[in-house]
C-alpha atoms as a PDB file:
ATOM      1  CA  MET A   1       4.417  -2.019  -4.967  1.00  0.00           C
ATOM      2  CA  PRO A   2       2.795   0.207  -7.362  1.00  0.00           C
ATOM      3  CA  ILE A   3       0.194   1.663  -4.947  1.00  0.00           C
ATOM      4  CA  GLN A   4       1.365   3.834  -1.982  1.00  0.00           C
ATOM      5  CA  PRO A   5       0.381   6.981  -0.241  1.00  0.00           C
ATOM      6  CA  ALA A   6       1.174  10.151  -2.194  1.00  0.00           C
ATOM      7  CA  THR A   7       3.074  13.120  -0.555  1.00  0.00           C
ATOM      8  CA  LEU A   8       2.891  16.858  -1.152  1.00  0.00           C
ATOM      9  CA  ALA A   9       5.888  16.531  -3.185  1.00  0.00           C
ATOM     10  CA  ASP A  10       3.818  14.420  -5.672  1.00  0.00           C
ATOM     11  CA  ILE A  11       1.424  17.257  -6.375  1.00  0.00           C
ATOM     12  CA  PRO A  12       3.083  18.605  -9.431  1.00  0.00           C
ATOM     13  CA  GLU A  13       2.680  15.217 -11.062  1.00  0.00           C
ATOM     14  CA  LEU A  14      -0.687  14.382  -9.667  1.00  0.00           C
ATOM     15  CA  LEU A  15      -2.369  17.767 -10.650  1.00  0.00           C
ATOM     16  CA  PRO A  16      -2.123  17.468 -14.491  1.00  0.00           C
ATOM     17  CA  LEU A  17      -3.102  13.703 -14.226  1.00  0.00           C
ATOM     18  CA  VAL A  18      -6.328  14.596 -12.353  1.00  0.00           C
ATOM     19  CA  ASN A  19      -7.276  17.438 -14.542  1.00  0.00           C
ATOM     20  CA  SER A  20      -6.476  15.471 -17.845  1.00  0.00           C
ATOM     21  CA  ALA A  21      -8.716  12.704 -16.632  1.00  0.00           C
ATOM     22  CA  PHE A  22     -11.794  14.711 -15.952  1.00  0.00           C
ATOM     23  CA  ARG A  23     -11.779  17.859 -18.192  1.00  0.00           C
ATOM     24  CA  GLY A  24     -10.633  19.114 -21.442  1.00  0.00           C
ATOM     25  CA  GLU A  25     -10.056  17.460 -24.852  1.00  0.00           C
ATOM     26  CA  ILE A  26      -7.390  14.934 -23.497  1.00  0.00           C
ATOM     27  CA  SER A  27      -9.901  13.539 -21.104  1.00  0.00           C
ATOM     28  CA  LYS A  28     -12.069  12.275 -24.161  1.00  0.00           C
ATOM     29  CA  LYS A  29      -9.473   9.669 -24.708  1.00  0.00           C
ATOM     30  CA  GLY A  30     -10.764   7.864 -21.616  1.00  0.00           C
ATOM     31  CA  TRP A  31     -14.328   6.790 -20.848  1.00  0.00           C
ATOM     32  CA  THR A  32     -14.604   8.566 -17.330  1.00  0.00           C
ATOM     33  CA  HIS A  33     -14.401  12.210 -18.224  1.00  0.00           C
ATOM     34  CA  GLU A  34     -16.728  15.133 -17.440  1.00  0.00           C
ATOM     35  CA  ALA A  35     -15.810  17.099 -20.566  1.00  0.00           C
ATOM     36  CA  ASN A  36     -19.157  16.868 -22.183  1.00  0.00           C
ATOM     37  CA  LEU A  37     -20.924  17.987 -18.949  1.00  0.00           C
ATOM     38  CA  ILE A  38     -18.690  20.764 -17.554  1.00  0.00           C
ATOM     39  CA  GLU A  39     -16.838  23.290 -19.568  1.00  0.00           C
ATOM     40  CA  GLY A  40     -13.345  24.181 -18.480  1.00  0.00           C
ATOM     41  CA  GLU A  41      -9.932  22.576 -18.144  1.00  0.00           C
ATOM     42  CA  ALA A  42      -9.422  22.218 -14.390  1.00  0.00           C
ATOM     43  CA  ARG A  43     -10.981  19.660 -11.949  1.00  0.00           C
ATOM     44  CA  THR A  44      -8.743  21.009  -9.076  1.00  0.00           C
ATOM     45  CA  ASP A  45      -5.762  23.175  -8.459  1.00  0.00           C
ATOM     46  CA  GLU A  46      -2.635  22.864  -6.412  1.00  0.00           C
ATOM     47  CA  ALA A  47      -3.839  24.714  -3.438  1.00  0.00           C
ATOM     48  CA  THR A  48      -7.014  22.646  -3.220  1.00  0.00           C
ATOM     49  CA  MET A  49      -5.071  19.303  -3.575  1.00  0.00           C
ATOM     50  CA  ARG A  50      -2.644  20.447  -1.007  1.00  0.00           C
ATOM     51  CA  GLU A  51      -5.504  21.339   1.404  1.00  0.00           C
ATOM     52  CA  MET A  52      -7.241  17.880   0.771  1.00  0.00           C
ATOM     53  CA  MET A  53      -3.851  16.012   1.441  1.00  0.00           C
ATOM     54  CA  LEU A  54      -3.317  17.893   4.751  1.00  0.00           C
ATOM     55  CA  GLU A  55      -6.858  17.124   6.043  1.00  0.00           C
ATOM     56  CA  PRO A  56      -6.873  14.861   9.172  1.00  0.00           C
ATOM     57  CA  ASP A  57      -7.477  11.282   8.630  1.00  0.00           C
ATOM     58  CA  SER A  58      -7.053  11.562   4.811  1.00  0.00           C
ATOM     59  CA  THR A  59      -4.681  10.156   2.287  1.00  0.00           C
ATOM     60  CA  MET A  60      -4.091  10.137  -1.351  1.00  0.00           C
ATOM     61  CA  LEU A  61      -2.970   6.858  -2.865  1.00  0.00           C
ATOM     62  CA  LYS A  62      -0.849   6.927  -6.003  1.00  0.00           C
ATOM     63  CA  TYR A  63      -0.426   4.235  -8.567  1.00  0.00           C
ATOM     64  CA  GLN A  64       3.076   4.225 -10.221  1.00  0.00           C
ATOM     65  CA  ASN A  65       4.027   2.279 -13.349  1.00  0.00           C
ATOM     66  CA  GLU A  66       7.190   0.305 -13.651  1.00  0.00           C
ATOM     67  CA  ALA A  67       9.101   3.616 -14.539  1.00  0.00           C
ATOM     68  CA  GLY A  68       7.946   5.251 -11.423  1.00  0.00           C
ATOM     69  CA  GLN A  69       5.395   7.670 -13.249  1.00  0.00           C
ATOM     70  CA  ILE A  70       2.149   8.283 -11.448  1.00  0.00           C
ATOM     71  CA  ILE A  71      -0.545   7.059 -13.760  1.00  0.00           C
ATOM     72  CA  ALA A  72      -3.486   6.889 -11.253  1.00  0.00           C
ATOM     73  CA  CYS A  73      -4.607   8.050  -7.861  1.00  0.00           C
ATOM     74  CA  VAL A  74      -7.502   8.108  -5.391  1.00  0.00           C
ATOM     75  CA  TYR A  75      -8.372  10.428  -2.468  1.00  0.00           C
ATOM     76  CA  LEU A  76      -9.568   8.939   0.762  1.00  0.00           C
ATOM     77  CA  ARG A  77     -10.749  10.541   4.071  1.00  0.00           C
ATOM     78  CA  LYS A  78     -12.136   8.921   7.203  1.00  0.00           C
ATOM     79  CA  ARG A  79     -15.409  10.741   8.137  1.00  0.00           C
ATOM     80  CA  GLU A  80     -18.276   9.854  10.483  1.00  0.00           C
ATOM     81  CA  ARG A  81     -20.220   7.940   7.936  1.00  0.00           C
ATOM     82  CA  GLY A  82     -17.324   5.729   6.721  1.00  0.00           C
ATOM     83  CA  LEU A  83     -14.283   6.289   4.282  1.00  0.00           C
ATOM     84  CA  TYR A  84     -15.181   9.006   1.678  1.00  0.00           C
ATOM     85  CA  LEU A  85     -13.638   8.126  -1.707  1.00  0.00           C
ATOM     86  CA  GLY A  86     -13.094  10.857  -4.240  1.00  0.00           C
ATOM     87  CA  MET A  87     -11.259  11.797  -7.309  1.00  0.00           C
ATOM     88  CA  LEU A  88     -10.607   8.214  -8.545  1.00  0.00           C
ATOM     89  CA  THR A  89      -8.357   8.954 -11.388  1.00  0.00           C
ATOM     90  CA  VAL A  90      -6.692   6.917 -14.099  1.00  0.00           C
ATOM     91  CA  SER A  91      -4.647   8.330 -16.967  1.00  0.00           C
ATOM     92  CA  PRO A  92      -7.121   8.617 -19.889  1.00  0.00           C
ATOM     93  CA  GLU A  93      -4.877   6.516 -22.108  1.00  0.00           C
ATOM     94  CA  LEU A  94      -4.818   3.712 -19.631  1.00  0.00           C
ATOM     95  CA  GLN A  95      -8.469   3.450 -18.569  1.00  0.00           C
ATOM     96  CA  GLY A  96      -9.967   0.088 -18.872  1.00  0.00           C
ATOM     97  CA  GLY A  97      -6.941  -1.885 -17.860  1.00  0.00           C
ATOM     98  CA  GLY A  98      -7.778  -2.680 -14.237  1.00  0.00           C
ATOM     99  CA  VAL A  99      -5.851   0.135 -12.471  1.00  0.00           C
ATOM    100  CA  GLY A 100      -8.978   1.650 -11.047  1.00  0.00           C
ATOM    101  CA  LYS A 101     -10.075  -1.702  -9.679  1.00  0.00           C
ATOM    102  CA  GLN A 102      -6.859  -2.032  -7.935  1.00  0.00           C
ATOM    103  CA  LEU A 103      -7.246   1.355  -6.318  1.00  0.00           C
ATOM    104  CA  LEU A 104     -10.652   0.433  -5.269  1.00  0.00           C
ATOM    105  CA  THR A 105      -9.268  -2.738  -3.592  1.00  0.00           C
ATOM    106  CA  ALA A 106      -6.531  -0.671  -1.950  1.00  0.00           C
ATOM    107  CA  ALA A 107      -9.276   1.810  -0.611  1.00  0.00           C
ATOM    108  CA  GLU A 108     -11.196  -1.088   0.886  1.00  0.00           C
ATOM    109  CA  GLU A 109      -8.001  -1.966   2.872  1.00  0.00           C
ATOM    110  CA  VAL A 110      -7.729   1.454   4.067  1.00  0.00           C
ATOM    111  CA  ALA A 111     -11.150   1.304   5.153  1.00  0.00           C
ATOM    112  CA  ARG A 112     -10.541  -1.714   7.148  1.00  0.00           C
ATOM    113  CA  GLN A 113      -7.514  -0.092   8.734  1.00  0.00           C
ATOM    114  CA  TYR A 114      -9.465   2.884   9.671  1.00  0.00           C
ATOM    115  CA  ASN A 115     -12.220   0.495  10.954  1.00  0.00           C
ATOM    116  CA  CYS A 116     -14.789   2.218   8.751  1.00  0.00           C
ATOM    117  CA  PRO A 117     -18.140   0.352   8.060  1.00  0.00           C
ATOM    118  CA  CYS A 118     -18.375   1.447   4.595  1.00  0.00           C
ATOM    119  CA  ILE A 119     -16.943   3.446   1.664  1.00  0.00           C
ATOM    120  CA  TYR A 120     -19.063   6.175   0.119  1.00  0.00           C
ATOM    121  CA  MET A 121     -18.631   8.539  -2.795  1.00  0.00           C
ATOM    122  CA  THR A 122     -20.490  11.025  -4.850  1.00  0.00           C
ATOM    123  CA  VAL A 123     -20.859  10.651  -8.583  1.00  0.00           C
ATOM    124  CA  LEU A 124     -22.636  12.780 -11.188  1.00  0.00           C
ATOM    125  CA  SER A 125     -25.917  11.044 -11.599  1.00  0.00           C
ATOM    126  CA  VAL A 126     -26.002  11.443 -15.282  1.00  0.00           C
ATOM    127  CA  ARG A 127     -22.797   9.424 -15.476  1.00  0.00           C
ATOM    128  CA  HIS A 128     -24.660   6.316 -15.946  1.00  0.00           C
ATOM    129  CA  GLU A 129     -21.690   4.137 -17.262  1.00  0.00           C
ATOM    130  CA  LEU A 130     -19.595   5.132 -14.203  1.00  0.00           C
ATOM    131  CA  VAL A 131     -22.307   4.347 -11.719  1.00  0.00           C
ATOM    132  CA  ALA A 132     -22.713   1.014 -13.384  1.00  0.00           C
ATOM    133  CA  TRP A 133     -18.954   0.527 -13.064  1.00  0.00           C
ATOM    134  CA  TYR A 134     -19.128   1.132  -9.382  1.00  0.00           C
ATOM    135  CA  GLU A 135     -22.096  -1.147  -9.113  1.00  0.00           C
ATOM    136  CA  ARG A 136     -20.250  -3.960 -10.664  1.00  0.00           C
ATOM    137  CA  HIS A 137     -17.643  -3.464  -7.943  1.00  0.00           C
ATOM    138  CA  GLY A 138     -20.012  -3.875  -5.122  1.00  0.00           C
ATOM    139  CA  TYR A 139     -21.225  -0.172  -4.585  1.00  0.00           C
ATOM    140  CA  HIS A 140     -24.974   0.651  -4.518  1.00  0.00           C
ATOM    141  CA  GLN A 141     -26.934   3.843  -4.958  1.00  0.00           C
ATOM    142  CA  THR A 142     -28.277   5.124  -1.542  1.00  0.00           C
ATOM    143  CA  GLY A 143     -31.034   7.007  -3.078  1.00  0.00           C
ATOM    144  CA  GLU A 144     -29.493  10.332  -1.687  1.00  0.00           C
ATOM    145  CA  MET A 145     -28.915  13.062  -4.042  1.00  0.00           C
ATOM    146  CA  GLN A 146     -27.132  16.470  -3.574  1.00  0.00           C
ATOM    147  CA  PRO A 147     -26.932  19.427  -5.927  1.00  0.00           C
ATOM    148  CA  PHE A 148     -23.584  19.617  -7.817  1.00  0.00           C
ATOM    149  CA  ASN A 149     -22.044  23.091  -6.907  1.00  0.00           C
ATOM    150  CA  VAL A 150     -18.665  23.763  -8.462  1.00  0.00           C
ATOM    151  CA  GLU A 151     -16.668  26.981  -8.187  1.00  0.00           C
ATOM    152  CA  ALA A 152     -16.414  28.776 -11.444  1.00  0.00           C
ATOM    153  CA  ARG A 153     -12.620  28.377 -11.678  1.00  0.00           C
ATOM    154  CA  PHE A 154     -13.282  24.634 -11.982  1.00  0.00           C
ATOM    155  CA  GLY A 155     -15.632  24.834 -14.839  1.00  0.00           C
ATOM    156  CA  VAL A 156     -19.217  25.561 -15.639  1.00  0.00           C
ATOM    157  CA  PRO A 157     -21.915  22.945 -15.899  1.00  0.00           C
ATOM    158  CA  ILE A 158     -23.525  22.601 -19.300  1.00  0.00           C
ATOM    159  CA  GLN A 159     -26.808  21.405 -17.689  1.00  0.00           C
ATOM    160  CA  PRO A 160     -28.142  21.086 -14.027  1.00  0.00           C
ATOM    161  CA  LEU A 161     -26.279  18.417 -12.414  1.00  0.00           C
ATOM    162  CA  TYR A 162     -26.704  16.313  -9.334  1.00  0.00           C
ATOM    163  CA  LEU A 163     -24.555  14.078  -7.254  1.00  0.00           C
ATOM    164  CA  ALA A 164     -25.691  10.482  -6.389  1.00  0.00           C
ATOM    165  CA  ILE A 165     -24.234   9.011  -3.291  1.00  0.00           C
ATOM    166  CA  LEU A 166     -23.005   5.474  -3.692  1.00  0.00           C
ATOM    167  CA  GLU A 167     -21.957   3.186  -0.828  1.00  0.00           C
ATOM    168  CA  LYS A 168     -20.291  -0.167  -0.210  1.00  0.00           C
ATOM    169  CA  THR A 169     -20.452  -1.997   3.095  1.00  0.00           C
ATOM    170  CA  ILE A 170     -16.871  -2.956   4.276  1.00  0.00           C
ATOM    171  CA  LEU A 171     -17.289  -4.184   7.805  1.00  0.00           C
ATOM    172  CA  PRO A 172     -20.517  -5.910   9.248  1.00  0.00           C
END
């Protein structure tokens, strides 16, 4: 099975994957990057990723190709509102091939296992193509917005940015 929970031992492979999909020149090979919105090369670091993976009721799912290489991942955490989905990542060279959709389907299964009524996420509101992609997969904008605050070590926004909250009902 190509999708399974990641472990702390996977961080050395996950970290460059995530950073390459969101920031820097290599990210521009894909369509989901933030390189034109945030200057910098790092979306996350080893300590932050480790901390996320160790949080209670959280998991990082990894998607491996036939050779066992991690080509995609998604972070999930059960919270009061529902299952939080973050850091959905597909290798820039492989975006558009259906891997992201498979990870969304796997996230829905995790939400059901955790008995979560919904999956929700935050997306940079100016990333209209990404918001539209999530909407095509059953998510809707809640109308809630949050300021985008990023630590300087993870980049400097080129313009003021806000996060839109998207949600999909899983359980009635």
